[in-house]
C-alpha atoms as a PDB file:
ATOM      1  CA  MET A   1      -0.907 -12.352  -4.357  1.00  0.00           C
ATOM      2  CA  ALA A   2       1.643 -12.169  -6.955  1.00  0.00           C
ATOM      3  CA  THR A   3       2.149 -14.735  -9.729  1.00  0.00           C
ATOM      4  CA  ASP A   4       5.442 -15.184 -11.444  1.00  0.00           C
ATOM      5  CA  VAL A   5       5.012 -15.478 -15.454  1.00  0.00           C
ATOM      6  CA  LYS A   6       7.910 -17.413 -16.922  1.00  0.00           C
ATOM      7  CA  ALA A   7       9.042 -17.807 -20.364  1.00  0.00           C
ATOM      8  CA  HIS A   8       8.390 -21.278 -21.636  1.00  0.00           C
ATOM      9  CA  ILE A   9      11.178 -21.672 -24.291  1.00  0.00           C
ATOM     10  CA  THR A  10      14.803 -20.062 -24.429  1.00  0.00           C
ATOM     11  CA  GLY A  11      14.643 -16.998 -26.713  1.00  0.00           C
ATOM     12  CA  THR A  12      14.892 -13.366 -27.142  1.00  0.00           C
ATOM     13  CA  VAL A  13      12.560 -11.011 -26.122  1.00  0.00           C
ATOM     14  CA  TRP A  14      11.105  -9.662 -29.349  1.00  0.00           C
ATOM     15  CA  LYS A  15       7.952  -7.187 -27.971  1.00  0.00           C
ATOM     16  CA  ILE A  16       6.678  -6.305 -24.399  1.00  0.00           C
ATOM     17  CA  GLU A  17       2.819  -6.044 -24.960  1.00  0.00           C
ATOM     18  CA  LYS A  18       1.971  -5.371 -21.397  1.00  0.00           C
ATOM     19  CA  PRO A  19       4.060  -3.085 -19.675  1.00  0.00           C
ATOM     20  CA  ALA A  20       4.100  -2.908 -15.732  1.00  0.00           C
ATOM     21  CA  GLY A  21       0.850  -1.092 -14.310  1.00  0.00           C
ATOM     22  CA  SER A  22      -1.624  -2.917 -17.714  1.00  0.00           C
ATOM     23  CA  LYS A  23      -4.489  -5.202 -16.997  1.00  0.00           C
ATOM     24  CA  VAL A  24      -4.460  -8.460 -17.927  1.00  0.00           C
ATOM     25  CA  ALA A  25      -7.030 -11.471 -18.358  1.00  0.00           C
ATOM     26  CA  GLU A  26      -5.620 -15.315 -18.133  1.00  0.00           C
ATOM     27  CA  GLY A  27      -4.444 -16.243 -21.478  1.00  0.00           C
ATOM     28  CA  ASP A  28      -3.240 -12.593 -22.398  1.00  0.00           C
ATOM     29  CA  THR A  29      -0.012 -12.578 -24.295  1.00  0.00           C
ATOM     30  CA  VAL A  30       2.293 -10.140 -21.885  1.00  0.00           C
ATOM     31  CA  ILE A  31       5.727 -10.667 -24.412  1.00  0.00           C
ATOM     32  CA  ILE A  32       6.624 -11.962 -26.942  1.00  0.00           C
ATOM     33  CA  LEU A  33       9.600 -14.139 -27.312  1.00  0.00           C
ATOM     34  CA  GLU A  34      11.715 -14.962 -30.711  1.00  0.00           C
ATOM     35  CA  SER A  35      13.197 -18.845 -31.084  1.00  0.00           C
ATOM     36  CA  MET A  36      14.537 -20.097 -34.328  1.00  0.00           C
ATOM     37  CA  LYS A  37      12.765 -17.135 -36.354  1.00  0.00           C
ATOM     38  CA  MET A  38       8.923 -17.815 -34.650  1.00  0.00           C
ATOM     39  CA  GLU A  39       7.237 -15.359 -32.571  1.00  0.00           C
ATOM     40  CA  MET A  40       6.127 -17.183 -29.360  1.00  0.00           C
ATOM     41  CA  PRO A  41       3.961 -15.461 -26.788  1.00  0.00           C
ATOM     42  CA  VAL A  42       4.494 -15.445 -23.293  1.00  0.00           C
ATOM     43  CA  GLU A  43       0.763 -15.699 -21.544  1.00  0.00           C
ATOM     44  CA  ALA A  44      -0.454 -14.760 -18.435  1.00  0.00           C
ATOM     45  CA  PRO A  45      -1.437 -17.345 -16.213  1.00  0.00           C
ATOM     46  CA  CYS A  46      -3.893 -15.609 -14.460  1.00  0.00           C
ATOM     47  CA  GLY A  47      -6.055 -11.938 -14.288  1.00  0.00           C
ATOM     48  CA  GLY A  48      -4.688  -8.998 -12.745  1.00  0.00           C
ATOM     49  CA  THR A  49      -2.429  -6.361 -13.127  1.00  0.00           C
ATOM     50  CA  VAL A  50       1.318  -6.443 -14.431  1.00  0.00           C
ATOM     51  CA  ARG A  51       3.385  -5.488 -11.373  1.00  0.00           C
ATOM     52  CA  GLU A  52       6.677  -5.598 -13.331  1.00  0.00           C
ATOM     53  CA  ILE A  53       8.528  -6.807 -16.214  1.00  0.00           C
ATOM     54  CA  LYS A  54      12.071  -7.775 -15.748  1.00  0.00           C
ATOM     55  CA  ILE A  55      13.434  -7.941 -18.934  1.00  0.00           C
ATOM     56  CA  LYS A  56      14.018  -5.851 -21.579  1.00  0.00           C
ATOM     57  CA  GLU A  57      13.270  -6.130 -25.068  1.00  0.00           C
ATOM     58  CA  GLY A  58      16.397  -7.493 -27.210  1.00  0.00           C
ATOM     59  CA  GLU A  59      17.734  -9.213 -23.739  1.00  0.00           C
ATOM     60  CA  ALA A  60      18.358 -12.895 -24.340  1.00  0.00           C
ATOM     61  CA  VAL A  61      16.052 -15.525 -21.627  1.00  0.00           C
ATOM     62  CA  ASP A  62      16.421 -19.247 -20.856  1.00  0.00           C
ATOM     63  CA  GLU A  63      13.340 -21.394 -20.164  1.00  0.00           C
ATOM     64  CA  GLY A  64      11.957 -21.108 -17.299  1.00  0.00           C
ATOM     65  CA  LYS A  65      12.962 -17.643 -16.048  1.00  0.00           C
ATOM     66  CA  VAL A  66      10.940 -15.103 -14.405  1.00  0.00           C
ATOM     67  CA  VAL A  67      10.013 -12.487 -17.333  1.00  0.00           C
ATOM     68  CA  ALA A  68       6.939 -10.754 -15.158  1.00  0.00           C
ATOM     69  CA  THR A  69       5.338 -10.802 -11.881  1.00  0.00           C
ATOM     70  CA  ILE A  70       1.564  -9.823 -11.949  1.00  0.00           C
ATOM     71  CA  ASP A  71      -0.819  -9.291  -8.885  1.00  0.00           C
ATOM     72  CA  GLU A  72      -3.875 -11.434  -9.146  1.00  0.00           C
ATOM     73  CA  GLY A  73      -7.556  -9.962  -8.774  1.00  0.00           C
END
């Protein structure tokens, strides 16, 4: 089963911490967004393997945008 990882704030993608193929645990930082000079982690909602990163570093994203997909398990 695939789970979407969504941006919880509007900001700019500062760094991709876990590229596609990376194993993650629930709560791991997948992407770091920058908003108003603050770095905000976007965390994995479940454990599994990152299937796809849907954004690039430097890209602007809106709150609620799907930034990655994780295959659970």
